[in-house]
Amino acid sequence: MKVKFVIAGAQKSGTTALHKYLYVHPNLCMTKKKELHFFDNDARFTGTSVDYTRYHAFFSPNLQQRLCGEGTPDYMYWYSAPRRIWEYNPAMKIIIILRNPIDRAFSAWNMEIFRRREFLSFQEAIRNESQRIREVMPLQHRVYAYVDRGFYTDQIRRVWHFFPKSQTLFLKSEHLRNDPQTALDRVCDFLGVAKMPGIKPYIVNAKSYVTSMSCADRAYLKERYEFEIKELEHMLDWDCSEWLAR
């Protein structure tokens, strides 16, 4: 038996909340630990074969009894992860939550400030991102990619290269936050399990920001993301006009 679904992204978009909702579903087995980082760990995939024993141990003894899944939001962004997931289980179902990339970038920067791994202002960080990423290679996908992570369409194309669209579900972060019952109903339908009526909203990772985003920084990111957001609307048949309205 294998793991059947993953919450693959995006970082700072509500993956923790969805993990908590699904964790209490009686027909599902979600890992107690979120973010296993199995398929984005390059060291595990350097040999000729992959040992999945440690991965499966997170789900024992439920792997053969219930529908098992996990949530690691880096999978969507990590270039090799979709292929590795497909090689493990071509029938894997992929759940992806997308947030306004402007707000997502600011939230990610605040997270790194809180962790004391970032010392530049948001203004400096987003305008010097490309140079900083080059300086930390090959760790460029782990740190400083506040803006780059928000270019969702290329990441989605990588997922769709390996998995049919019928095995992917996309949710708006705002919908999960504002109407979690409807969003969770969609997830349950997608996974083929009973719905969970009467859920109570989770408020997670709601730490206060160290500062507010400036109008200049928001305008800068709007310009960076405008074409990307319109392309995403076409790709997913979404209306994301509110992402650019503020």
Protein backbone atom coordinates (compact mmCIF):
# COMPACT_ATOMS: atom_id res chain seq x y z
CA MET A 1 0.00 0.00 0.00
CA LYS A 2 1.11 3.55 -0.68
CA VAL A 3 0.35 7.10 0.37
CA LYS A 4 -2.59 8.28 -1.73
CA PHE A 5 -2.53 12.09 -1.60
CA VAL A 6 -0.36 15.07 -0.76
CA ILE A 7 -0.99 18.72 0.00
CA ALA A 8 1.78 20.01 -2.25
CA GLY A 9 1.59 23.79 -1.82
CA ALA A 10 1.77 26.61 -1.80
CA GLN A 11 3.82 27.76 1.17
CA LYS A 12 2.01 30.29 3.41
CA SER A 13 -1.33 29.61 1.72
CA GLY A 14 -3.30 27.63 4.29
CA THR A 15 -1.71 24.20 4.08
CA THR A 16 -1.46 23.94 7.87
CA ALA A 17 -5.17 24.62 8.29
CA LEU A 18 -6.11 22.02 5.67
CA HIS A 19 -3.78 19.50 7.27
CA LYS A 20 -5.50 20.05 10.63
CA TYR A 21 -8.98 19.67 9.10
CA LEU A 22 -8.06 16.40 7.41
CA TYR A 23 -6.19 15.10 10.45
CA VAL A 24 -9.47 14.62 12.34
CA HIS A 25 -11.30 12.94 9.47
CA PRO A 26 -12.16 9.37 10.59
CA ASN A 27 -11.47 7.86 7.18
CA LEU A 28 -8.13 9.56 6.59
CA CYS A 29 -4.66 9.14 8.03
CA MET A 30 -2.69 12.38 8.06
CA THR A 31 0.75 12.38 9.62
CA LYS A 32 0.96 13.95 13.06
CA LYS A 33 4.04 15.78 11.82
CA LYS A 34 3.36 18.16 8.95
CA GLU A 35 5.96 18.70 6.23
CA LEU A 36 7.80 15.42 5.93
CA HIS A 37 10.03 16.86 3.18
CA PHE A 38 10.56 13.42 1.68
CA PHE A 39 10.26 14.11 -2.04
CA ASP A 40 12.17 17.41 -1.87
CA ASN A 41 15.12 15.83 -0.05
CA ASP A 42 17.67 15.36 -2.82
CA ALA A 43 19.92 13.19 -0.65
CA ARG A 44 17.28 10.45 -0.60
CA PHE A 45 17.30 10.21 -4.39
CA THR A 46 21.01 10.02 -5.19
CA GLY A 47 21.24 6.23 -5.49
CA THR A 48 19.81 3.76 -7.97
CA SER A 49 16.85 2.93 -5.73
CA VAL A 50 14.84 4.76 -3.09
CA ASP A 51 14.10 3.36 0.36
CA TYR A 52 10.53 4.32 1.27
CA THR A 53 10.61 2.51 4.62
CA ARG A 54 11.15 5.66 6.68
CA TYR A 55 8.45 7.46 4.70
CA HIS A 56 5.90 4.72 5.30
CA ALA A 57 6.82 4.60 8.99
CA PHE A 58 5.12 7.98 9.48
CA PHE A 59 1.80 6.32 8.55
CA SER A 60 2.18 2.97 10.31
CA PRO A 61 0.02 1.06 11.10
CA ASN A 62 -2.66 2.87 9.09
CA LEU A 63 -1.16 2.63 5.61
CA GLN A 64 -3.18 -0.48 4.77
CA GLN A 65 -6.33 0.53 6.64
CA ARG A 66 -7.09 4.14 5.73
CA LEU A 67 -6.48 6.66 2.97
CA CYS A 68 -3.14 8.20 3.92
CA GLY A 69 -1.78 11.60 3.01
CA GLU A 70 0.68 14.26 4.06
CA GLY A 71 1.33 17.95 3.54
CA THR A 72 4.65 19.41 2.41
CA PRO A 73 4.12 22.74 0.61
CA ASP A 74 7.61 22.70 -0.89
CA TYR A 75 6.64 19.83 -3.21
CA MET A 76 4.93 22.16 -5.64
CA TYR A 77 7.94 24.48 -5.83
CA TRP A 78 10.72 21.88 -5.73
CA TYR A 79 11.63 21.12 -9.34
CA SER A 80 12.18 17.36 -9.00
CA ALA A 81 9.40 16.64 -6.50
CA PRO A 82 6.51 16.06 -8.95
CA ARG A 83 8.53 13.50 -10.90
CA ARG A 84 9.62 11.73 -7.71
CA ILE A 85 6.05 11.62 -6.43
CA TRP A 86 4.90 10.18 -9.77
CA GLU A 87 7.62 7.54 -9.68
CA TYR A 88 6.45 6.57 -6.18
CA ASN A 89 2.72 6.54 -6.98
CA PRO A 90 1.40 7.57 -10.41
CA ALA A 91 -2.13 7.55 -8.94
CA MET A 92 -1.26 10.11 -6.25
CA LYS A 93 -3.82 12.89 -5.82
CA ILE A 94 -2.35 16.37 -5.54
CA ILE A 95 -4.02 19.16 -3.55
CA ILE A 96 -2.71 22.69 -4.05
CA ILE A 97 -3.84 25.86 -2.28
CA LEU A 98 -2.97 29.15 -3.95
CA ARG A 99 -2.82 32.54 -2.27
CA ASN A 100 -2.48 36.02 -3.72
CA PRO A 101 1.26 35.86 -4.53
CA ILE A 102 1.76 39.44 -3.33
CA ASP A 103 0.44 38.64 0.14
CA ARG A 104 2.12 35.23 0.10
CA ALA A 105 5.53 36.84 -0.48
CA PHE A 106 5.03 39.26 2.40
CA SER A 107 3.87 36.46 4.70
CA ALA A 108 6.90 34.34 3.82
CA TRP A 109 9.26 37.24 4.53
CA ASN A 110 7.58 37.81 7.90
CA MET A 111 8.01 34.12 8.70
CA GLU A 112 11.74 34.33 8.04
CA ILE A 113 12.00 37.51 10.10
CA PHE A 114 10.25 35.72 12.96
CA ARG A 115 12.67 32.80 12.62
CA ARG A 116 15.60 35.26 12.60
CA ARG A 117 16.79 33.95 9.26
CA GLU A 118 16.11 37.22 7.43
CA PHE A 119 17.61 40.60 8.24
CA LEU A 120 16.79 42.69 5.18
CA SER A 121 13.69 44.84 4.91
CA PHE A 122 10.94 43.53 2.66
CA GLN A 123 11.74 46.28 0.17
CA GLU A 124 15.39 45.21 -0.01
CA ALA A 125 14.62 41.49 -0.01
CA ILE A 126 12.23 41.47 -2.96
CA ARG A 127 14.32 43.85 -5.07
CA ASN A 128 17.54 41.93 -4.50
CA GLU A 129 16.05 38.45 -4.61
CA SER A 130 17.68 37.28 -7.84
CA GLN A 131 21.16 38.24 -6.69
CA ARG A 132 20.68 36.72 -3.25
CA ILE A 133 19.41 33.46 -4.73
CA ARG A 134 22.48 33.19 -6.96
CA GLU A 135 24.73 33.74 -3.94
CA VAL A 136 23.24 30.83 -1.97
CA MET A 137 23.08 28.21 -4.75
CA PRO A 138 22.35 25.29 -4.51
CA LEU A 139 20.08 26.32 -1.62
CA GLN A 140 18.22 28.80 -3.81
CA HIS A 141 14.94 26.92 -3.46
CA ARG A 142 15.08 26.95 0.34
CA VAL A 143 15.70 30.60 1.16
CA TYR A 144 14.93 34.10 -0.09
CA ALA A 145 12.57 33.00 -2.90
CA TYR A 146 9.71 35.20 -1.70
CA VAL A 147 8.76 36.43 -5.17
CA ASP A 148 9.82 33.41 -7.21
CA ARG A 149 7.55 31.03 -5.31
CA GLY A 150 4.56 33.10 -6.42
CA PHE A 151 4.99 32.32 -10.10
CA TYR A 152 2.55 29.45 -9.89
CA THR A 153 1.90 28.62 -13.53
CA ASP A 154 5.26 26.99 -14.26
CA GLN A 155 4.94 24.96 -11.06
CA ILE A 156 1.46 23.80 -12.09
CA ARG A 157 2.74 22.82 -15.53
CA ARG A 158 5.38 20.63 -13.91
CA VAL A 159 2.69 18.90 -11.85
CA TRP A 160 0.46 18.43 -14.89
CA HIS A 161 3.39 17.03 -16.88
CA PHE A 162 3.29 13.97 -14.61
CA PHE A 163 -0.28 13.88 -13.32
CA PRO A 164 -3.57 14.22 -15.21
CA LYS A 165 -5.68 17.21 -14.28
CA SER A 166 -8.27 14.85 -12.81
CA GLN A 167 -5.75 13.97 -10.09
CA THR A 168 -5.21 17.60 -9.07
CA LEU A 169 -7.37 19.90 -6.99
CA PHE A 170 -6.77 23.64 -6.66
CA LEU A 171 -8.23 25.79 -3.90
CA LYS A 172 -8.04 29.50 -3.28
CA SER A 173 -6.55 30.36 0.08
CA GLU A 174 -9.28 32.94 0.62
CA HIS A 175 -12.01 30.35 0.11
CA LEU A 176 -10.45 27.98 2.63
CA ARG A 177 -10.20 30.79 5.15
CA ASN A 178 -13.61 32.38 4.58
CA ASP A 179 -15.70 29.29 3.84
CA PRO A 180 -13.79 26.28 5.15
CA GLN A 181 -16.83 24.00 5.07
CA THR A 182 -17.34 24.37 1.32
CA ALA A 183 -13.62 24.08 0.65
CA LEU A 184 -13.35 20.95 2.78
CA ASP A 185 -16.40 19.44 1.08
CA ARG A 186 -14.56 19.82 -2.24
CA VAL A 187 -11.50 18.11 -0.81
CA CYS A 188 -13.57 15.22 0.55
CA ASP A 189 -15.32 14.77 -2.80
CA PHE A 190 -11.93 14.81 -4.52
CA LEU A 191 -10.56 12.15 -2.19
CA GLY A 192 -13.74 10.07 -2.32
CA VAL A 193 -14.47 10.15 1.42
CA ALA A 194 -17.48 11.27 3.45
CA LYS A 195 -17.91 14.97 4.10
CA MET A 196 -17.39 16.46 7.56
CA PRO A 197 -20.33 18.74 8.41
CA GLY A 198 -20.13 21.31 11.17
CA ILE A 199 -16.38 21.85 11.19
CA LYS A 200 -14.98 24.66 13.31
CA PRO A 201 -12.61 27.08 11.57
CA TYR A 202 -8.96 26.79 12.52
CA ILE A 203 -6.90 29.91 12.97
CA VAL A 204 -3.28 28.92 12.59
CA ASN A 205 0.03 30.68 12.13
CA ALA A 206 -1.69 33.98 12.91
CA LYS A 207 1.38 35.74 14.28
CA SER A 208 1.38 39.51 14.06
CA TYR A 209 3.45 40.94 11.23
CA VAL A 210 6.46 42.99 12.25
CA THR A 211 5.32 45.74 9.90
CA SER A 212 2.79 46.42 7.13
CA MET A 213 3.52 46.19 3.44
CA SER A 214 4.18 49.60 1.94
CA CYS A 215 2.15 50.90 -0.99
CA ALA A 216 5.36 51.07 -3.02
CA ASP A 217 6.20 47.42 -2.38
CA ARG A 218 2.66 46.32 -3.22
CA ALA A 219 2.78 48.32 -6.46
CA TYR A 220 6.15 46.77 -7.31
CA LEU A 221 4.80 43.25 -6.83
CA LYS A 222 1.60 44.00 -8.71
CA GLU A 223 3.71 44.91 -11.72
CA ARG A 224 5.83 41.79 -11.32
CA TYR A 225 2.83 39.47 -11.03
CA GLU A 226 0.18 41.06 -13.27
CA PHE A 227 0.83 38.88 -16.32
CA GLU A 228 1.34 35.79 -14.15
CA ILE A 229 -2.01 36.26 -12.40
CA LYS A 230 -3.83 36.69 -15.70
CA GLU A 231 -2.17 33.54 -17.04
CA LEU A 232 -3.22 31.67 -13.90
CA GLU A 233 -6.82 32.83 -14.36
CA HIS A 234 -6.81 31.36 -17.86
CA MET A 235 -5.10 28.14 -16.73
CA LEU A 236 -7.50 27.38 -13.86
CA ASP A 237 -10.57 29.26 -15.11
CA TRP A 238 -10.43 31.44 -12.00
CA ASP A 239 -11.25 35.06 -11.33
CA CYS A 240 -8.29 36.53 -9.44
CA SER A 241 -9.10 40.18 -10.06
CA GLU A 242 -9.20 40.84 -6.31
CA TRP A 243 -5.50 39.94 -6.11
CA LEU A 244 -4.66 43.02 -8.15
CA ALA A 245 -7.42 45.28 -6.86
CA ARG A 246 -5.84 46.43 -3.61
